[in-house]
Amino acid sequence: MKMRLVAVVLGVAVLVACGTSAPAGPAAGIHDHGGPDAFNIALVSSNVIADITVDPARVGAVMVHMEFSPPGGRLQQVTSVSGTLTSVDEAQPVLNVQFEESGINHFHGETEVLVSGSWTLDLTATLADGERVGYTTSIEFER
């Protein structure tokens, strides 16, 4: 009887702990990288999840990090990433972001954002089978 009571108490404790944990996602720390001015988002395209961080989302030098994973666990190798940042201010040049591989399915690139405002980040990941997967998001860069 004591063993059954202990098992029930442990089971309830696990349920309570799981039920009160924070939801999964970029804001919950799964991909909440960077400093206080970082921009984080998770996007899905062709069943491949891209966790993206732009740090900082401020005028000046910025680092763009990307980590890729497929839903369901089947590893889909990403072999390369290319990207651009385009300002809504058409007088600003389109910024090319050159990415380097940081590890398996992890890439980073740097660029210099010249003016504050709304910018569009367009990214293309090339998978091992040659498929190209696109991601787009808007980012507000502060001064």
C-alpha atoms as a PDB file:
ATOM      1  CA  MET A   1       0.000   0.000   0.000  1.00  0.00           C
ATOM      2  CA  LYS A   2       2.848   2.413   0.856  1.00  0.00           C
ATOM      3  CA  MET A   3       4.535   1.735  -2.501  1.00  0.00           C
ATOM      4  CA  ARG A   4       1.302   2.518  -4.331  1.00  0.00           C
ATOM      5  CA  LEU A   5       0.916   5.793  -2.392  1.00  0.00           C
ATOM      6  CA  VAL A   6       4.509   6.760  -3.177  1.00  0.00           C
ATOM      7  CA  ALA A   7       3.956   5.985  -6.868  1.00  0.00           C
ATOM      8  CA  VAL A   8       0.777   8.101  -6.946  1.00  0.00           C
ATOM      9  CA  VAL A   9       2.489  11.018  -5.188  1.00  0.00           C
ATOM     10  CA  LEU A  10       5.434  10.874  -7.607  1.00  0.00           C
ATOM     11  CA  GLY A  11       3.077  10.666 -10.577  1.00  0.00           C
ATOM     12  CA  VAL A  12       1.124  13.712  -9.402  1.00  0.00           C
ATOM     13  CA  ALA A  13       4.383  15.616  -8.798  1.00  0.00           C
ATOM     14  CA  VAL A  14       5.531  14.896 -12.363  1.00  0.00           C
ATOM     15  CA  LEU A  15       2.179  15.986 -13.810  1.00  0.00           C
ATOM     16  CA  VAL A  16       2.231  19.207 -11.799  1.00  0.00           C
ATOM     17  CA  ALA A  17       5.794  19.965 -12.893  1.00  0.00           C
ATOM     18  CA  CYS A  18       4.966  19.299 -16.546  1.00  0.00           C
ATOM     19  CA  GLY A  19       1.709  21.208 -16.400  1.00  0.00           C
ATOM     20  CA  THR A  20       3.326  24.339 -14.999  1.00  0.00           C
ATOM     21  CA  SER A  21       6.347  24.467 -17.291  1.00  0.00           C
ATOM     22  CA  ALA A  22       6.648  27.263 -19.850  1.00  0.00           C
ATOM     23  CA  PRO A  23       5.376  26.576 -23.374  1.00  0.00           C
ATOM     24  CA  ALA A  24       7.966  25.500 -25.923  1.00  0.00           C
ATOM     25  CA  GLY A  25       9.079  27.956 -28.587  1.00  0.00           C
ATOM     26  CA  PRO A  26      11.491  30.787 -29.277  1.00  0.00           C
ATOM     27  CA  ALA A  27      10.254  32.938 -26.389  1.00  0.00           C
ATOM     28  CA  ALA A  28      10.565  30.022 -23.969  1.00  0.00           C
ATOM     29  CA  GLY A  29      14.263  29.488 -24.466  1.00  0.00           C
ATOM     30  CA  ILE A  30      14.405  26.766 -27.118  1.00  0.00           C
ATOM     31  CA  HIS A  31      15.914  29.363 -29.427  1.00  0.00           C
ATOM     32  CA  ASP A  32      15.977  32.492 -27.334  1.00  0.00           C
ATOM     33  CA  HIS A  33      19.529  33.542 -28.160  1.00  0.00           C
ATOM     34  CA  GLY A  34      21.212  36.883 -28.148  1.00  0.00           C
ATOM     35  CA  GLY A  35      21.079  39.915 -25.951  1.00  0.00           C
ATOM     36  CA  PRO A  36      18.100  41.965 -24.840  1.00  0.00           C
ATOM     37  CA  ASP A  37      17.840  43.617 -28.283  1.00  0.00           C
ATOM     38  CA  ALA A  38      17.816  40.338 -30.243  1.00  0.00           C
ATOM     39  CA  PHE A  39      15.044  39.296 -32.614  1.00  0.00           C
ATOM     40  CA  ASN A  40      14.056  35.590 -32.433  1.00  0.00           C
ATOM     41  CA  ILE A  41      11.581  33.669 -34.577  1.00  0.00           C
ATOM     42  CA  ALA A  42      10.915  30.086 -35.666  1.00  0.00           C
ATOM     43  CA  LEU A  43       9.662  29.604 -39.253  1.00  0.00           C
ATOM     44  CA  VAL A  44       8.633  26.439 -41.106  1.00  0.00           C
ATOM     45  CA  SER A  45       8.996  25.795 -44.827  1.00  0.00           C
ATOM     46  CA  SER A  46       8.829  22.398 -46.574  1.00  0.00           C
ATOM     47  CA  ASN A  47       8.655  20.725 -43.163  1.00  0.00           C
ATOM     48  CA  VAL A  48      12.026  22.187 -42.113  1.00  0.00           C
ATOM     49  CA  ILE A  49      12.025  24.443 -39.051  1.00  0.00           C
ATOM     50  CA  ALA A  50      14.402  27.414 -39.069  1.00  0.00           C
ATOM     51  CA  ASP A  51      15.151  29.022 -35.710  1.00  0.00           C
ATOM     52  CA  ILE A  52      16.435  32.508 -36.553  1.00  0.00           C
ATOM     53  CA  THR A  53      18.140  35.068 -34.331  1.00  0.00           C
ATOM     54  CA  VAL A  54      19.190  38.561 -35.414  1.00  0.00           C
ATOM     55  CA  ASP A  55      21.387  40.118 -32.740  1.00  0.00           C
ATOM     56  CA  PRO A  56      20.996  42.950 -32.101  1.00  0.00           C
ATOM     57  CA  ALA A  57      17.934  44.202 -33.993  1.00  0.00           C
ATOM     58  CA  ARG A  58      19.517  47.658 -33.937  1.00  0.00           C
ATOM     59  CA  VAL A  59      21.323  49.885 -36.436  1.00  0.00           C
ATOM     60  CA  GLY A  60      24.950  48.827 -36.832  1.00  0.00           C
ATOM     61  CA  ALA A  61      26.698  45.478 -37.052  1.00  0.00           C
ATOM     62  CA  VAL A  62      24.310  42.528 -36.690  1.00  0.00           C
ATOM     63  CA  MET A  63      24.774  38.753 -36.538  1.00  0.00           C
ATOM     64  CA  VAL A  64      22.186  36.426 -38.080  1.00  0.00           C
ATOM     65  CA  HIS A  65      22.117  32.879 -36.630  1.00  0.00           C
ATOM     66  CA  MET A  66      20.069  30.030 -38.100  1.00  0.00           C
ATOM     67  CA  GLU A  67      19.529  26.514 -36.793  1.00  0.00           C
ATOM     68  CA  PHE A  68      17.515  24.013 -38.849  1.00  0.00           C
ATOM     69  CA  SER A  69      15.567  20.938 -37.794  1.00  0.00           C
ATOM     70  CA  PRO A  70      12.716  18.958 -39.277  1.00  0.00           C
ATOM     71  CA  PRO A  71       9.537  18.278 -37.328  1.00  0.00           C
ATOM     72  CA  GLY A  72       9.225  14.626 -36.372  1.00  0.00           C
ATOM     73  CA  GLY A  73      12.952  14.027 -35.966  1.00  0.00           C
ATOM     74  CA  ARG A  74      14.150  13.009 -39.459  1.00  0.00           C
ATOM     75  CA  LEU A  75      17.391  14.917 -39.899  1.00  0.00           C
ATOM     76  CA  GLN A  76      17.329  17.005 -43.065  1.00  0.00           C
ATOM     77  CA  GLN A  77      20.873  18.206 -43.672  1.00  0.00           C
ATOM     78  CA  VAL A  78      21.201  21.843 -44.767  1.00  0.00           C
ATOM     79  CA  THR A  79      24.308  22.338 -46.900  1.00  0.00           C
ATOM     80  CA  SER A  80      24.234  26.113 -47.426  1.00  0.00           C
ATOM     81  CA  VAL A  81      22.292  29.298 -46.671  1.00  0.00           C
ATOM     82  CA  SER A  82      22.067  32.603 -48.525  1.00  0.00           C
ATOM     83  CA  GLY A  83      20.123  35.692 -47.581  1.00  0.00           C
ATOM     84  CA  THR A  84      19.309  39.349 -48.048  1.00  0.00           C
ATOM     85  CA  LEU A  85      17.983  42.185 -45.902  1.00  0.00           C
ATOM     86  CA  THR A  86      15.814  44.694 -47.773  1.00  0.00           C
ATOM     87  CA  SER A  87      14.639  47.981 -46.260  1.00  0.00           C
ATOM     88  CA  VAL A  88      11.169  49.380 -46.953  1.00  0.00           C
ATOM     89  CA  ASP A  89      13.102  52.583 -47.717  1.00  0.00           C
ATOM     90  CA  GLU A  90      13.882  51.962 -51.389  1.00  0.00           C
ATOM     91  CA  ALA A  91      16.794  54.420 -51.215  1.00  0.00           C
ATOM     92  CA  GLN A  92      18.686  51.869 -49.081  1.00  0.00           C
ATOM     93  CA  PRO A  93      20.747  49.157 -50.760  1.00  0.00           C
ATOM     94  CA  VAL A  94      19.784  45.499 -50.459  1.00  0.00           C
ATOM     95  CA  LEU A  95      22.205  43.894 -48.009  1.00  0.00           C
ATOM     96  CA  ASN A  96      23.595  40.471 -48.896  1.00  0.00           C
ATOM     97  CA  VAL A  97      24.285  38.264 -45.884  1.00  0.00           C
ATOM     98  CA  GLN A  98      27.125  35.782 -46.390  1.00  0.00           C
ATOM     99  CA  PHE A  99      26.611  32.694 -44.202  1.00  0.00           C
ATOM    100  CA  GLU A 100      29.203  30.306 -42.815  1.00  0.00           C
ATOM    101  CA  GLU A 101      28.512  26.889 -41.354  1.00  0.00           C
ATOM    102  CA  SER A 102      28.884  26.837 -37.556  1.00  0.00           C
ATOM    103  CA  GLY A 103      28.021  23.150 -37.137  1.00  0.00           C
ATOM    104  CA  ILE A 104      25.538  20.619 -38.448  1.00  0.00           C
ATOM    105  CA  ASN A 105      22.463  22.602 -39.579  1.00  0.00           C
ATOM    106  CA  HIS A 106      23.752  25.753 -37.838  1.00  0.00           C
ATOM    107  CA  PHE A 107      24.826  28.817 -39.823  1.00  0.00           C
ATOM    108  CA  HIS A 108      25.767  32.415 -39.046  1.00  0.00           C
ATOM    109  CA  GLY A 109      26.341  35.563 -41.061  1.00  0.00           C
ATOM    110  CA  GLU A 110      27.108  39.216 -40.433  1.00  0.00           C
ATOM    111  CA  THR A 111      26.009  42.456 -42.043  1.00  0.00           C
ATOM    112  CA  GLU A 112      25.719  46.161 -41.239  1.00  0.00           C
ATOM    113  CA  VAL A 113      22.245  47.722 -41.020  1.00  0.00           C
ATOM    114  CA  LEU A 114      22.539  51.402 -41.904  1.00  0.00           C
ATOM    115  CA  VAL A 115      19.133  52.831 -40.980  1.00  0.00           C
ATOM    116  CA  SER A 116      16.360  52.034 -38.522  1.00  0.00           C
ATOM    117  CA  GLY A 117      12.933  50.906 -39.632  1.00  0.00           C
ATOM    118  CA  SER A 118      11.274  47.884 -41.141  1.00  0.00           C
ATOM    119  CA  TRP A 119      13.455  45.430 -43.062  1.00  0.00           C
ATOM    120  CA  THR A 120      12.613  42.110 -44.736  1.00  0.00           C
ATOM    121  CA  LEU A 121      14.935  39.163 -44.164  1.00  0.00           C
ATOM    122  CA  ASP A 122      14.779  36.650 -47.053  1.00  0.00           C
ATOM    123  CA  LEU A 123      16.674  33.398 -46.585  1.00  0.00           C
ATOM    124  CA  THR A 124      17.209  30.375 -48.805  1.00  0.00           C
ATOM    125  CA  ALA A 125      18.511  27.090 -47.390  1.00  0.00           C
ATOM    126  CA  THR A 126      19.786  24.367 -49.701  1.00  0.00           C
ATOM    127  CA  LEU A 127      19.163  20.823 -48.469  1.00  0.00           C
ATOM    128  CA  ALA A 128      21.464  17.845 -49.126  1.00  0.00           C
ATOM    129  CA  ASP A 129      19.089  16.545 -51.827  1.00  0.00           C
ATOM    130  CA  GLY A 130      19.330  19.899 -53.675  1.00  0.00           C
ATOM    131  CA  GLU A 131      15.896  21.188 -52.617  1.00  0.00           C
ATOM    132  CA  ARG A 132      15.862  24.921 -51.901  1.00  0.00           C
ATOM    133  CA  VAL A 133      13.732  26.073 -48.964  1.00  0.00           C
ATOM    134  CA  GLY A 134      12.774  29.742 -48.490  1.00  0.00           C
ATOM    135  CA  TYR A 135      12.005  31.759 -45.355  1.00  0.00           C
ATOM    136  CA  THR A 136      10.879  35.393 -45.036  1.00  0.00           C
ATOM    137  CA  THR A 137      10.253  37.593 -42.015  1.00  0.00           C
ATOM    138  CA  SER A 138      10.006  41.298 -41.202  1.00  0.00           C
ATOM    139  CA  ILE A 139      12.271  42.835 -38.590  1.00  0.00           C
ATOM    140  CA  GLU A 140      12.047  46.263 -36.971  1.00  0.00           C
ATOM    141  CA  PHE A 141      15.548  47.679 -36.458  1.00  0.00           C
ATOM    142  CA  GLU A 142      15.796  50.333 -33.750  1.00  0.00           C
ATOM    143  CA  ARG A 143      18.236  53.216 -33.701  1.00  0.00           C
END
